[in-house]
Amino acid sequence: MSASLEDAAPAAALRTPPVAPQPAPRTAATPSQKPTPGAPTPGANVTGAYPDLNVPPASATAPIAPSEKDALMRDLTATRQRLENSAPANNADAEARRLRNLAKTHAERQLQEIEKTE
């Protein structure tokens, strides 16, 4: 059995959709369309000079002060130490015993449930 390109991509799927009409491009304001003074004009403003791209953007927020940074670091360090001290010791043998006991009691309960239904 062989496959053709028509099987993989039917010709109907390859047709391009008709192009929708585009709105007319914006042009510079003509004397009859002058914007009101003080109102922002949409689009780019033609000033006759190249834009200065070296102006740094304004900061979104105020930077953290060094004293605030130190206070946050102390709080985080204290919280980390408190959590490390309160964490249980990693005892693999005790965990294995606990899981074996859980499996044994679970199996016993399941057998009891099966015997009840018979």
C-alpha atoms as a PDB file:
ATOM      1  CA  MET A   1       0.000   0.000   0.000  1.00  0.00           C
ATOM      2  CA  SER A   2       1.389   3.395  -0.846  1.00  0.00           C
ATOM      3  CA  ALA A   3       0.447   6.824   0.351  1.00  0.00           C
ATOM      4  CA  SER A   4       0.371   9.905  -1.770  1.00  0.00           C
ATOM      5  CA  LEU A   5       0.805  13.544  -0.947  1.00  0.00           C
ATOM      6  CA  GLU A   6      -2.930  13.984  -1.582  1.00  0.00           C
ATOM      7  CA  ASP A   7      -3.648  11.472   1.223  1.00  0.00           C
ATOM      8  CA  ALA A   8      -1.426  13.326   3.693  1.00  0.00           C
ATOM      9  CA  ALA A   9      -2.549  16.853   2.815  1.00  0.00           C
ATOM     10  CA  PRO A  10      -5.682  17.167   0.654  1.00  0.00           C
ATOM     11  CA  ALA A  11      -5.631  19.994  -1.865  1.00  0.00           C
ATOM     12  CA  ALA A  12      -8.553  21.672  -0.078  1.00  0.00           C
ATOM     13  CA  ALA A  13      -6.404  22.074   3.014  1.00  0.00           C
ATOM     14  CA  LEU A  14      -3.586  23.690   1.062  1.00  0.00           C
ATOM     15  CA  ARG A  15      -5.671  26.495  -0.439  1.00  0.00           C
ATOM     16  CA  THR A  16      -4.902  29.858   1.079  1.00  0.00           C
ATOM     17  CA  PRO A  17      -7.840  31.795   2.480  1.00  0.00           C
ATOM     18  CA  PRO A  18      -8.781  35.028   0.755  1.00  0.00           C
ATOM     19  CA  VAL A  19      -6.975  38.084   2.034  1.00  0.00           C
ATOM     20  CA  ALA A  20      -9.168  40.358   4.140  1.00  0.00           C
ATOM     21  CA  PRO A  21      -9.135  44.021   3.151  1.00  0.00           C
ATOM     22  CA  GLN A  22      -6.754  46.045   5.281  1.00  0.00           C
ATOM     23  CA  PRO A  23      -7.584  49.515   6.625  1.00  0.00           C
ATOM     24  CA  ALA A  24      -5.924  52.433   4.931  1.00  0.00           C
ATOM     25  CA  PRO A  25      -2.499  53.290   6.386  1.00  0.00           C
ATOM     26  CA  ARG A  26      -2.274  56.215   8.742  1.00  0.00           C
ATOM     27  CA  THR A  27      -0.629  59.282   7.423  1.00  0.00           C
ATOM     28  CA  ALA A  28       0.730  62.351   9.118  1.00  0.00           C
ATOM     29  CA  ALA A  29      -1.864  64.848  10.280  1.00  0.00           C
ATOM     30  CA  THR A  30      -2.939  67.186   7.557  1.00  0.00           C
ATOM     31  CA  PRO A  31      -3.888  70.792   8.335  1.00  0.00           C
ATOM     32  CA  SER A  32      -7.567  69.825   8.428  1.00  0.00           C
ATOM     33  CA  GLN A  33      -6.858  66.942  10.879  1.00  0.00           C
ATOM     34  CA  LYS A  34      -4.576  68.697  13.389  1.00  0.00           C
ATOM     35  CA  PRO A  35      -4.850  67.233  16.880  1.00  0.00           C
ATOM     36  CA  THR A  36      -5.869  69.432  19.734  1.00  0.00           C
ATOM     37  CA  PRO A  37      -2.918  70.990  21.597  1.00  0.00           C
ATOM     38  CA  GLY A  38      -1.833  69.016  24.676  1.00  0.00           C
ATOM     39  CA  ALA A  39      -3.641  65.822  23.590  1.00  0.00           C
ATOM     40  CA  PRO A  40      -1.478  62.770  22.918  1.00  0.00           C
ATOM     41  CA  THR A  41      -1.326  61.815  19.272  1.00  0.00           C
ATOM     42  CA  PRO A  42      -1.674  58.165  18.295  1.00  0.00           C
ATOM     43  CA  GLY A  43       1.303  56.493  16.661  1.00  0.00           C
ATOM     44  CA  ALA A  44       4.829  57.787  16.279  1.00  0.00           C
ATOM     45  CA  ASN A  45       5.563  61.488  16.323  1.00  0.00           C
ATOM     46  CA  VAL A  46       7.702  62.806  13.498  1.00  0.00           C
ATOM     47  CA  THR A  47      10.111  65.283  15.078  1.00  0.00           C
ATOM     48  CA  GLY A  48      12.727  65.383  12.343  1.00  0.00           C
ATOM     49  CA  ALA A  49      15.435  64.012  14.681  1.00  0.00           C
ATOM     50  CA  TYR A  50      16.574  60.513  15.513  1.00  0.00           C
ATOM     51  CA  PRO A  51      15.199  59.135  18.791  1.00  0.00           C
ATOM     52  CA  ASP A  52      17.591  58.847  21.730  1.00  0.00           C
ATOM     53  CA  LEU A  53      17.592  55.144  22.623  1.00  0.00           C
ATOM     54  CA  ASN A  54      20.146  55.596  25.409  1.00  0.00           C
ATOM     55  CA  VAL A  55      17.666  56.978  27.922  1.00  0.00           C
ATOM     56  CA  PRO A  56      17.375  54.405  30.749  1.00  0.00           C
ATOM     57  CA  PRO A  57      13.804  53.307  31.491  1.00  0.00           C
ATOM     58  CA  ALA A  58      12.201  54.382  34.744  1.00  0.00           C
ATOM     59  CA  SER A  59      12.322  51.780  37.512  1.00  0.00           C
ATOM     60  CA  ALA A  60       9.055  49.953  38.174  1.00  0.00           C
ATOM     61  CA  THR A  61       9.655  49.917  41.940  1.00  0.00           C
ATOM     62  CA  ALA A  62      12.035  51.400  44.429  1.00  0.00           C
ATOM     63  CA  PRO A  63      15.125  49.247  45.041  1.00  0.00           C
ATOM     64  CA  ILE A  64      15.525  47.442  48.372  1.00  0.00           C
ATOM     65  CA  ALA A  65      17.620  49.367  50.857  1.00  0.00           C
ATOM     66  CA  PRO A  66      20.693  47.576  52.280  1.00  0.00           C
ATOM     67  CA  SER A  67      19.227  47.673  55.795  1.00  0.00           C
ATOM     68  CA  GLU A  68      15.980  46.096  54.542  1.00  0.00           C
ATOM     69  CA  LYS A  69      17.989  43.425  52.695  1.00  0.00           C
ATOM     70  CA  ASP A  70      19.936  42.601  55.872  1.00  0.00           C
ATOM     71  CA  ALA A  71      16.719  42.321  57.912  1.00  0.00           C
ATOM     72  CA  LEU A  72      15.165  39.971  55.341  1.00  0.00           C
ATOM     73  CA  MET A  73      18.306  37.828  55.244  1.00  0.00           C
ATOM     74  CA  ARG A  74      18.321  37.537  59.064  1.00  0.00           C
ATOM     75  CA  ASP A  75      14.643  36.509  59.077  1.00  0.00           C
ATOM     76  CA  LEU A  76      15.173  33.909  56.363  1.00  0.00           C
ATOM     77  CA  THR A  77      18.285  32.489  58.021  1.00  0.00           C
ATOM     78  CA  ALA A  78      16.501  32.216  61.380  1.00  0.00           C
ATOM     79  CA  THR A  79      13.523  30.484  59.767  1.00  0.00           C
ATOM     80  CA  ARG A  80      15.802  28.055  57.911  1.00  0.00           C
ATOM     81  CA  GLN A  81      17.669  27.160  61.105  1.00  0.00           C
ATOM     82  CA  ARG A  82      14.411  26.708  63.034  1.00  0.00           C
ATOM     83  CA  LEU A  83      13.080  24.337  60.371  1.00  0.00           C
ATOM     84  CA  GLU A  84      16.332  22.364  60.216  1.00  0.00           C
ATOM     85  CA  ASN A  85      16.329  21.925  64.009  1.00  0.00           C
ATOM     86  CA  SER A  86      12.706  20.802  64.133  1.00  0.00           C
ATOM     87  CA  ALA A  87      12.985  18.314  61.240  1.00  0.00           C
ATOM     88  CA  PRO A  88      12.990  14.671  62.343  1.00  0.00           C
ATOM     89  CA  ALA A  89      16.179  12.675  61.862  1.00  0.00           C
ATOM     90  CA  ASN A  90      16.289  10.595  58.722  1.00  0.00           C
ATOM     91  CA  ASN A  91      16.104   7.058  60.097  1.00  0.00           C
ATOM     92  CA  ALA A  92      15.719   4.629  57.206  1.00  0.00           C
ATOM     93  CA  ASP A  93      15.435   1.540  59.440  1.00  0.00           C
ATOM     94  CA  ALA A  94      12.557   2.994  61.461  1.00  0.00           C
ATOM     95  CA  GLU A  95      10.774   4.046  58.274  1.00  0.00           C
ATOM     96  CA  ALA A  96      11.184   0.562  56.771  1.00  0.00           C
ATOM     97  CA  ARG A  97       9.754  -1.027  59.945  1.00  0.00           C
ATOM     98  CA  ARG A  98       6.818   1.368  59.886  1.00  0.00           C
ATOM     99  CA  LEU A  99       6.044   0.583  56.244  1.00  0.00           C
ATOM    100  CA  ARG A 100       6.286  -3.202  56.799  1.00  0.00           C
ATOM    101  CA  ASN A 101       3.898  -2.939  59.747  1.00  0.00           C
ATOM    102  CA  LEU A 102       1.505  -0.841  57.672  1.00  0.00           C
ATOM    103  CA  ALA A 103       1.583  -3.401  54.833  1.00  0.00           C
ATOM    104  CA  LYS A 104       0.954  -6.274  57.273  1.00  0.00           C
ATOM    105  CA  THR A 105      -2.024  -4.621  58.950  1.00  0.00           C
ATOM    106  CA  HIS A 106      -3.403  -3.512  55.598  1.00  0.00           C
ATOM    107  CA  ALA A 107      -3.192  -7.052  54.241  1.00  0.00           C
ATOM    108  CA  GLU A 108      -4.921  -8.442  57.345  1.00  0.00           C
ATOM    109  CA  ARG A 109      -7.751  -5.909  57.017  1.00  0.00           C
ATOM    110  CA  GLN A 110      -8.204  -6.741  53.339  1.00  0.00           C
ATOM    111  CA  LEU A 111      -8.419 -10.465  54.088  1.00  0.00           C
ATOM    112  CA  GLN A 112     -11.039  -9.797  56.767  1.00  0.00           C
ATOM    113  CA  GLU A 113     -13.086  -7.718  54.301  1.00  0.00           C
ATOM    114  CA  ILE A 114     -12.902 -10.502  51.686  1.00  0.00           C
ATOM    115  CA  GLU A 115     -13.975 -13.127  54.214  1.00  0.00           C
ATOM    116  CA  LYS A 116     -16.963 -10.986  55.259  1.00  0.00           C
ATOM    117  CA  THR A 117     -18.311 -10.809  51.709  1.00  0.00           C
ATOM    118  CA  GLU A 118     -18.060 -14.587  51.081  1.00  0.00           C
END
